[in-house]
Each structure stands twice: as C-alpha cells, then as structure tokens.
Amino acid sequence: MTDLFRRTFGPLALIGLLALSSCQVIGLIAYKMPQPPIMAEYRLAGQPVSVMVWADQGIELDWPSISRDLAGGLTENLKQAVVAENEAVLGVTFPVAVESVVRWQKDNPGYDGLPITSVAPQLGTSRVIYVEINKFSTRTAQTFVLYRGSVNASIKVIEVENGVGKVAWEKRDINVFYPDKGPEDGTPKGTDYQFYVGTMTELATQLAELLIDHPPEEQ
C-alpha cells in the first residue's frame, strides 16, 4: 500500500512543489521589477504658476515666516522637477516671485475673507497653487514637552481663464509628521526650530509630489 501511494501520489506532490516554487520565483521577479511611477494628481504643464500659502493667524503669530517658507519650499521643489523635465510640469514657469505674493498678502489683509477664486486672478498667472495650513505644532499634543512636528493642510489649484478663477483640483486633510517614522510620543532631543524646518520641508515635498510624476515610495 505504501509503494502504491508513493507511485501514485509522489509525482503529483513533486509537480505541486515545482508549481509552488515557480509561483515563488514569479513573485520574486515581480517584486524586483521596477514599479510604475505614481502620476501627478494635477498636471501643471505649460502654465505660468504662482504659489500662495495661508496660515491660521495663531500659527503665524508663533511662526511669522511660515507662509513664505512653505511657498518657497514648494516652489523650489517644482522648479527642480521642471529642470529634470518631469512631464507633469514641462514648460511651467514661475513669473511671480514668492516674496511678491507674500507682499501682496500683507498689502491686502482682507484677502482671506474672499473666496480664493476671486483672489487668484489678481496674481497674474493662469494657475495658482493655494495651500492652507490649518494646524501646526512642533510638540506632541499628549505632553507638549516632547518634540514631534505635525501639520494639517489642504491644497487647491485655481485655473484662471479670462480673469475668472475656478477650483480645478483640491486635496484636503493632508497630515504630515516629522519625523515620519519617529515615535508617536515624540523625543526630548531637538529644538522647536529644528522640528519646524523638518516639518515644513516634509510638507513641501509631499505637496510637490501631488503635482509631479514620481517613483513609488520604497518599501
């Protein structure tokens, strides 16, 4: 009976093992194959672009340059993508300097009471990237003693045609932490400024990735 079992089922077991091995090999090959890029959620290609950042008044009291810093970081990331000939931003120009937009905001303090679709045509570009910083902290909410950067933001792209603006794309509730993989309870090492810079840099990077084609994050 044992010999009969071996003669009958032995080859089938071998075939099964070979099939399993083949699946594992195929899976390994698929894992090592280059993954397709993540495409931009909105493509700015060929457009003159300006960047405006709004922050809650309480945040700006603590961090007066936060709007300029984030707008500058996001603009620089997009400029680098233009130089690299990223298809999502091919031909994009930035004719209005970040400092000019910040100055306009200071000269028009009531602008934030208007819809951004009314404000965007005044900046002189056909596309306006508008970012709102709703919450920001360099400390953990649990203790307020340990450091961990966190920010909640939203982003919109306003299309301006014939002096009329419309929201063409938006993404809300973007939550960024710095460091991304650090302990949620935070760390006693560091300074508020260090975590401010790290959080703004990470936010600028993630916002830019929404507007350019980029490789998937490595696992």
C-alpha atoms as a PDB file:
ATOM      1  CA  MET A   1       0.000   0.000   0.000  1.00  0.00           C
ATOM      2  CA  THR A   2       2.872   2.326   0.819  1.00  0.00           C
ATOM      3  CA  ASP A   3       4.597   1.642  -2.513  1.00  0.00           C
ATOM      4  CA  LEU A   4       1.323   2.182  -4.365  1.00  0.00           C
ATOM      5  CA  PHE A   5       0.810   5.520  -2.562  1.00  0.00           C
ATOM      6  CA  ARG A   6       4.291   6.647  -3.460  1.00  0.00           C
ATOM      7  CA  ARG A   7       3.941   5.606  -7.103  1.00  0.00           C
ATOM      8  CA  THR A   8       0.553   7.307  -7.396  1.00  0.00           C
ATOM      9  CA  PHE A   9       0.912  10.494  -5.358  1.00  0.00           C
ATOM     10  CA  GLY A  10       4.659  11.014  -5.377  1.00  0.00           C
ATOM     11  CA  PRO A  11       4.755  12.557  -8.878  1.00  0.00           C
ATOM     12  CA  LEU A  12       1.750  14.726  -8.044  1.00  0.00           C
ATOM     13  CA  ALA A  13       3.458  16.007  -4.915  1.00  0.00           C
ATOM     14  CA  LEU A  14       6.583  16.774  -6.926  1.00  0.00           C
ATOM     15  CA  ILE A  15       4.524  18.662  -9.515  1.00  0.00           C
ATOM     16  CA  GLY A  16       2.875  20.593  -6.701  1.00  0.00           C
ATOM     17  CA  LEU A  17       6.213  21.531  -5.202  1.00  0.00           C
ATOM     18  CA  LEU A  18       7.519  22.616  -8.597  1.00  0.00           C
ATOM     19  CA  ALA A  19       4.404  24.693  -9.151  1.00  0.00           C
ATOM     20  CA  LEU A  20       4.812  26.299  -5.740  1.00  0.00           C
ATOM     21  CA  SER A  21       8.444  27.029  -6.439  1.00  0.00           C
ATOM     22  CA  SER A  22       7.527  28.562  -9.795  1.00  0.00           C
ATOM     23  CA  CYS A  23       4.990  30.828  -8.112  1.00  0.00           C
ATOM     24  CA  GLN A  24       7.583  31.927  -5.600  1.00  0.00           C
ATOM     25  CA  VAL A  25      10.084  32.663  -8.365  1.00  0.00           C
ATOM     26  CA  ILE A  26       7.489  34.607 -10.353  1.00  0.00           C
ATOM     27  CA  GLY A  27       6.580  36.528  -7.212  1.00  0.00           C
ATOM     28  CA  LEU A  28      10.233  37.347  -6.562  1.00  0.00           C
ATOM     29  CA  ILE A  29      10.717  38.533 -10.150  1.00  0.00           C
ATOM     30  CA  ALA A  30       7.588  40.675  -9.954  1.00  0.00           C
ATOM     31  CA  TYR A  31       8.773  42.138  -6.658  1.00  0.00           C
ATOM     32  CA  LYS A  32      12.118  43.122  -8.151  1.00  0.00           C
ATOM     33  CA  MET A  33      10.675  44.558 -11.365  1.00  0.00           C
ATOM     34  CA  PRO A  34      10.565  48.379 -11.469  1.00  0.00           C
ATOM     35  CA  GLN A  35       7.230  49.674 -10.239  1.00  0.00           C
ATOM     36  CA  PRO A  36       5.327  52.125 -12.444  1.00  0.00           C
ATOM     37  CA  PRO A  37       5.579  55.774 -11.372  1.00  0.00           C
ATOM     38  CA  ILE A  38       2.830  57.474  -9.416  1.00  0.00           C
ATOM     39  CA  MET A  39       1.272  60.032 -11.739  1.00  0.00           C
ATOM     40  CA  ALA A  40       0.594  63.621 -10.734  1.00  0.00           C
ATOM     41  CA  GLU A  41      -2.915  64.216  -9.423  1.00  0.00           C
ATOM     42  CA  TYR A  42      -2.982  67.519 -11.320  1.00  0.00           C
ATOM     43  CA  ARG A  43      -0.719  68.427 -14.236  1.00  0.00           C
ATOM     44  CA  LEU A  44       0.544  71.995 -14.489  1.00  0.00           C
ATOM     45  CA  ALA A  45       2.482  71.505 -17.733  1.00  0.00           C
ATOM     46  CA  GLY A  46       2.869  74.577 -19.923  1.00  0.00           C
ATOM     47  CA  GLN A  47       1.366  77.061 -17.463  1.00  0.00           C
ATOM     48  CA  PRO A  48       2.685  80.143 -15.646  1.00  0.00           C
ATOM     49  CA  VAL A  49       2.215  79.332 -11.959  1.00  0.00           C
ATOM     50  CA  SER A  50       2.204  81.233  -8.680  1.00  0.00           C
ATOM     51  CA  VAL A  51       2.076  79.835  -5.135  1.00  0.00           C
ATOM     52  CA  MET A  52       0.150  81.306  -2.218  1.00  0.00           C
ATOM     53  CA  VAL A  53       0.118  79.911   1.316  1.00  0.00           C
ATOM     54  CA  TRP A  54      -2.341  80.922   4.016  1.00  0.00           C
ATOM     55  CA  ALA A  55      -1.822  80.047   7.684  1.00  0.00           C
ATOM     56  CA  ASP A  56      -4.145  80.425  10.618  1.00  0.00           C
ATOM     57  CA  GLN A  57      -3.457  83.675  12.484  1.00  0.00           C
ATOM     58  CA  GLY A  58      -2.459  81.864  15.665  1.00  0.00           C
ATOM     59  CA  ILE A  59       0.137  79.861  13.748  1.00  0.00           C
ATOM     60  CA  GLU A  60       1.558  82.965  12.087  1.00  0.00           C
ATOM     61  CA  LEU A  61       1.949  84.674  15.464  1.00  0.00           C
ATOM     62  CA  ASP A  62       4.304  81.884  16.531  1.00  0.00           C
ATOM     63  CA  TRP A  63       5.912  81.379  13.122  1.00  0.00           C
ATOM     64  CA  PRO A  64       5.738  84.680  11.168  1.00  0.00           C
ATOM     65  CA  SER A  65       7.586  83.330   8.100  1.00  0.00           C
ATOM     66  CA  ILE A  66       5.668  80.071   7.763  1.00  0.00           C
ATOM     67  CA  SER A  67       3.717  81.132   4.640  1.00  0.00           C
ATOM     68  CA  ARG A  68       6.847  82.343   2.864  1.00  0.00           C
ATOM     69  CA  ASP A  69       8.901  79.315   3.932  1.00  0.00           C
ATOM     70  CA  LEU A  70       6.378  76.750   2.712  1.00  0.00           C
ATOM     71  CA  ALA A  71       5.632  78.633  -0.508  1.00  0.00           C
ATOM     72  CA  GLY A  72       9.370  78.887  -1.168  1.00  0.00           C
ATOM     73  CA  GLY A  73       9.977  75.206  -0.458  1.00  0.00           C
ATOM     74  CA  LEU A  74       7.110  74.045  -2.660  1.00  0.00           C
ATOM     75  CA  THR A  75       8.150  76.383  -5.488  1.00  0.00           C
ATOM     76  CA  GLU A  76      11.756  75.182  -5.326  1.00  0.00           C
ATOM     77  CA  ASN A  77      10.684  71.520  -5.464  1.00  0.00           C
ATOM     78  CA  LEU A  78       8.555  72.211  -8.537  1.00  0.00           C
ATOM     79  CA  LYS A  79      11.361  74.185 -10.195  1.00  0.00           C
ATOM     80  CA  GLN A  80      13.691  71.227  -9.705  1.00  0.00           C
ATOM     81  CA  ALA A  81      11.103  68.976 -11.338  1.00  0.00           C
ATOM     82  CA  VAL A  82      10.890  71.394 -14.294  1.00  0.00           C
ATOM     83  CA  VAL A  83      14.673  71.266 -14.711  1.00  0.00           C
ATOM     84  CA  ALA A  84      14.510  67.468 -14.538  1.00  0.00           C
ATOM     85  CA  GLU A  85      11.942  67.572 -17.380  1.00  0.00           C
ATOM     86  CA  ASN A  86       9.219  65.903 -15.365  1.00  0.00           C
ATOM     87  CA  GLU A  87       6.330  65.570 -17.821  1.00  0.00           C
ATOM     88  CA  ALA A  88       3.713  66.816 -15.365  1.00  0.00           C
ATOM     89  CA  VAL A  89       5.413  70.219 -15.149  1.00  0.00           C
ATOM     90  CA  LEU A  90       7.089  70.556 -18.545  1.00  0.00           C
ATOM     91  CA  GLY A  91       7.195  74.199 -19.580  1.00  0.00           C
ATOM     92  CA  VAL A  92       5.964  75.509 -16.231  1.00  0.00           C
ATOM     93  CA  THR A  93       7.208  78.995 -15.332  1.00  0.00           C
ATOM     94  CA  PHE A  94       7.059  80.998 -12.114  1.00  0.00           C
ATOM     95  CA  PRO A  95       6.829  84.633 -13.221  1.00  0.00           C
ATOM     96  CA  VAL A  96       5.663  85.888  -9.823  1.00  0.00           C
ATOM     97  CA  ALA A  97       8.242  85.557  -7.041  1.00  0.00           C
ATOM     98  CA  VAL A  98       7.198  84.085  -3.707  1.00  0.00           C
ATOM     99  CA  GLU A  99       8.194  87.336  -1.979  1.00  0.00           C
ATOM    100  CA  SER A 100       5.876  89.279  -4.280  1.00  0.00           C
ATOM    101  CA  VAL A 101       2.929  87.064  -3.357  1.00  0.00           C
ATOM    102  CA  VAL A 102       3.713  87.406   0.365  1.00  0.00           C
ATOM    103  CA  ARG A 103       3.947  91.178  -0.035  1.00  0.00           C
ATOM    104  CA  TRP A 104       0.591  91.200  -1.826  1.00  0.00           C
ATOM    105  CA  GLN A 105      -0.938  89.261   1.055  1.00  0.00           C
ATOM    106  CA  LYS A 106       0.390  91.787   3.585  1.00  0.00           C
ATOM    107  CA  ASP A 107      -0.809  94.713   1.480  1.00  0.00           C
ATOM    108  CA  ASN A 108      -4.289  93.184   1.200  1.00  0.00           C
ATOM    109  CA  PRO A 109      -5.068  91.942   4.731  1.00  0.00           C
ATOM    110  CA  GLY A 110      -8.727  91.307   3.953  1.00  0.00           C
ATOM    111  CA  TYR A 111      -8.000  88.905   1.112  1.00  0.00           C
ATOM    112  CA  ASP A 112      -8.608  85.837   3.277  1.00  0.00           C
ATOM    113  CA  GLY A 113     -12.224  86.891   3.672  1.00  0.00           C
ATOM    114  CA  LEU A 114     -12.739  86.423  -0.080  1.00  0.00           C
ATOM    115  CA  PRO A 115     -13.028  83.160  -1.999  1.00  0.00           C
ATOM    116  CA  ILE A 116      -9.678  82.143  -3.461  1.00  0.00           C
ATOM    117  CA  THR A 117     -11.314  82.067  -6.887  1.00  0.00           C
ATOM    118  CA  SER A 118     -11.687  85.860  -6.589  1.00  0.00           C
ATOM    119  CA  VAL A 119      -8.150  86.358  -5.296  1.00  0.00           C
ATOM    120  CA  ALA A 120      -6.297  84.151  -7.799  1.00  0.00           C
ATOM    121  CA  PRO A 121      -6.906  86.340 -10.905  1.00  0.00           C
ATOM    122  CA  GLN A 122      -5.114  89.216  -9.145  1.00  0.00           C
ATOM    123  CA  LEU A 123      -1.804  87.325  -9.073  1.00  0.00           C
ATOM    124  CA  GLY A 124      -1.331  87.418 -12.848  1.00  0.00           C
ATOM    125  CA  THR A 125      -0.823  83.711 -13.595  1.00  0.00           C
ATOM    126  CA  SER A 126      -3.082  81.164 -15.249  1.00  0.00           C
ATOM    127  CA  ARG A 127      -2.587  78.676 -12.412  1.00  0.00           C
ATOM    128  CA  VAL A 128      -2.430  79.411  -8.704  1.00  0.00           C
ATOM    129  CA  ILE A 129      -1.428  76.795  -6.158  1.00  0.00           C
ATOM    130  CA  TYR A 130      -3.171  77.701  -2.918  1.00  0.00           C
ATOM    131  CA  VAL A 131      -2.214  75.969   0.334  1.00  0.00           C
ATOM    132  CA  GLU A 132      -3.932  76.380   3.685  1.00  0.00           C
ATOM    133  CA  ILE A 133      -2.120  75.460   6.904  1.00  0.00           C
ATOM    134  CA  ASN A 134      -4.837  74.663   9.410  1.00  0.00           C
ATOM    135  CA  LYS A 135      -2.834  73.203  12.297  1.00  0.00           C
ATOM    136  CA  PHE A 136       0.858  73.120  13.116  1.00  0.00           C
ATOM    137  CA  SER A 137       2.909  72.119  16.123  1.00  0.00           C
ATOM    138  CA  THR A 138       6.479  71.159  16.943  1.00  0.00           C
ATOM    139  CA  ARG A 139       5.428  69.384  20.161  1.00  0.00           C
ATOM    140  CA  THR A 140       3.311  66.322  20.859  1.00  0.00           C
ATOM    141  CA  ALA A 141      -0.235  67.017  21.956  1.00  0.00           C
ATOM    142  CA  GLN A 142      -0.021  64.475  24.801  1.00  0.00           C
ATOM    143  CA  THR A 143       2.749  66.142  26.786  1.00  0.00           C
ATOM    144  CA  PHE A 144       3.718  69.328  24.944  1.00  0.00           C
ATOM    145  CA  VAL A 145       7.209  68.661  26.289  1.00  0.00           C
ATOM    146  CA  LEU A 146       8.487  66.157  23.733  1.00  0.00           C
ATOM    147  CA  TYR A 147       9.252  67.156  20.138  1.00  0.00           C
ATOM    148  CA  ARG A 148       7.432  65.856  17.075  1.00  0.00           C
ATOM    149  CA  GLY A 149       6.375  68.050  14.170  1.00  0.00           C
ATOM    150  CA  SER A 150       2.809  67.788  12.882  1.00  0.00           C
ATOM    151  CA  VAL A 151       0.836  69.787  10.355  1.00  0.00           C
ATOM    152  CA  ASN A 152      -2.603  69.586   8.768  1.00  0.00           C
ATOM    153  CA  ALA A 153      -3.000  71.297   5.406  1.00  0.00           C
ATOM    154  CA  SER A 154      -5.036  71.405   2.227  1.00  0.00           C
ATOM    155  CA  ILE A 155      -4.098  72.329  -1.331  1.00  0.00           C
ATOM    156  CA  LYS A 156      -6.006  73.649  -4.336  1.00  0.00           C
ATOM    157  CA  VAL A 157      -5.126  74.536  -7.907  1.00  0.00           C
ATOM    158  CA  ILE A 158      -7.054  77.504  -9.263  1.00  0.00           C
ATOM    159  CA  GLU A 159      -7.365  77.815 -13.032  1.00  0.00           C
ATOM    160  CA  VAL A 160      -7.664  81.396 -14.251  1.00  0.00           C
ATOM    161  CA  GLU A 161      -9.158  81.991 -17.688  1.00  0.00           C
ATOM    162  CA  ASN A 162     -10.196  85.430 -18.971  1.00  0.00           C
ATOM    163  CA  GLY A 163      -9.919  86.892 -15.487  1.00  0.00           C
ATOM    164  CA  VAL A 164     -12.156  84.258 -13.899  1.00  0.00           C
ATOM    165  CA  GLY A 165     -10.873  81.713 -11.393  1.00  0.00           C
ATOM    166  CA  LYS A 166     -12.222  78.253 -10.668  1.00  0.00           C
ATOM    167  CA  VAL A 167     -11.070  75.426  -8.428  1.00  0.00           C
ATOM    168  CA  ALA A 168      -9.806  72.734 -10.782  1.00  0.00           C
ATOM    169  CA  TRP A 169      -8.417  70.320  -8.208  1.00  0.00           C
ATOM    170  CA  GLU A 170      -8.064  70.071  -4.450  1.00  0.00           C
ATOM    171  CA  LYS A 171      -6.951  67.718  -1.721  1.00  0.00           C
ATOM    172  CA  ARG A 172      -7.936  68.166   1.903  1.00  0.00           C
ATOM    173  CA  ASP A 173      -6.752  66.851   5.276  1.00  0.00           C
ATOM    174  CA  ILE A 174      -3.126  66.303   4.373  1.00  0.00           C
ATOM    175  CA  ASN A 175      -1.449  65.234   7.600  1.00  0.00           C
ATOM    176  CA  VAL A 176       2.333  65.252   7.812  1.00  0.00           C
ATOM    177  CA  PHE A 177       4.535  64.263  10.733  1.00  0.00           C
ATOM    178  CA  TYR A 178       8.228  64.842  11.284  1.00  0.00           C
ATOM    179  CA  PRO A 179       9.985  62.584  11.567  1.00  0.00           C
ATOM    180  CA  ASP A 180       7.521  60.410   9.685  1.00  0.00           C
ATOM    181  CA  LYS A 181       8.619  57.150  11.314  1.00  0.00           C
ATOM    182  CA  GLY A 182       9.623  58.561  14.664  1.00  0.00           C
ATOM    183  CA  PRO A 183       7.980  57.605  17.975  1.00  0.00           C
ATOM    184  CA  GLU A 184       4.460  58.994  18.251  1.00  0.00           C
ATOM    185  CA  ASP A 185       5.196  60.106  21.799  1.00  0.00           C
ATOM    186  CA  GLY A 186       7.965  62.358  20.483  1.00  0.00           C
ATOM    187  CA  THR A 187      11.564  62.841  21.574  1.00  0.00           C
ATOM    188  CA  PRO A 188      13.224  65.088  24.171  1.00  0.00           C
ATOM    189  CA  LYS A 189      16.103  65.798  21.768  1.00  0.00           C
ATOM    190  CA  GLY A 190      15.974  68.765  19.418  1.00  0.00           C
ATOM    191  CA  THR A 191      14.624  72.300  19.227  1.00  0.00           C
ATOM    192  CA  ASP A 192      11.371  73.856  18.098  1.00  0.00           C
ATOM    193  CA  TYR A 193      13.137  75.435  15.118  1.00  0.00           C
ATOM    194  CA  GLN A 194      14.675  72.118  14.060  1.00  0.00           C
ATOM    195  CA  PHE A 195      11.274  70.449  14.024  1.00  0.00           C
ATOM    196  CA  TYR A 196       9.696  73.461  12.323  1.00  0.00           C
ATOM    197  CA  VAL A 197      12.178  73.237   9.452  1.00  0.00           C
ATOM    198  CA  GLY A 198      11.853  69.463   9.206  1.00  0.00           C
ATOM    199  CA  THR A 199       8.059  69.548   9.147  1.00  0.00           C
ATOM    200  CA  MET A 200       7.846  72.318   6.561  1.00  0.00           C
ATOM    201  CA  THR A 201      10.421  70.556   4.374  1.00  0.00           C
ATOM    202  CA  GLU A 202       8.467  67.307   4.531  1.00  0.00           C
ATOM    203  CA  LEU A 203       5.174  69.069   3.792  1.00  0.00           C
ATOM    204  CA  ALA A 204       6.687  70.905   0.810  1.00  0.00           C
ATOM    205  CA  THR A 205       7.969  67.587  -0.525  1.00  0.00           C
ATOM    206  CA  GLN A 206       4.646  65.794  -0.169  1.00  0.00           C
ATOM    207  CA  LEU A 207       2.715  68.675  -1.731  1.00  0.00           C
ATOM    208  CA  ALA A 208       5.081  68.765  -4.709  1.00  0.00           C
ATOM    209  CA  GLU A 209       4.686  65.009  -5.202  1.00  0.00           C
ATOM    210  CA  LEU A 210       0.966  65.531  -5.736  1.00  0.00           C
ATOM    211  CA  LEU A 211       1.806  67.676  -8.769  1.00  0.00           C
ATOM    212  CA  ILE A 212       4.636  65.689 -10.382  1.00  0.00           C
ATOM    213  CA  ASP A 213       5.167  62.156 -11.621  1.00  0.00           C
ATOM    214  CA  HIS A 214       7.387  60.340  -9.132  1.00  0.00           C
ATOM    215  CA  PRO A 215       8.580  56.844  -8.194  1.00  0.00           C
ATOM    216  CA  PRO A 216       6.612  54.943  -5.565  1.00  0.00           C
ATOM    217  CA  GLU A 217       7.961  55.017  -2.044  1.00  0.00           C
ATOM    218  CA  GLU A 218      10.410  52.209  -1.364  1.00  0.00           C
ATOM    219  CA  GLN A 219       9.098  49.557   0.997  1.00  0.00           C
END
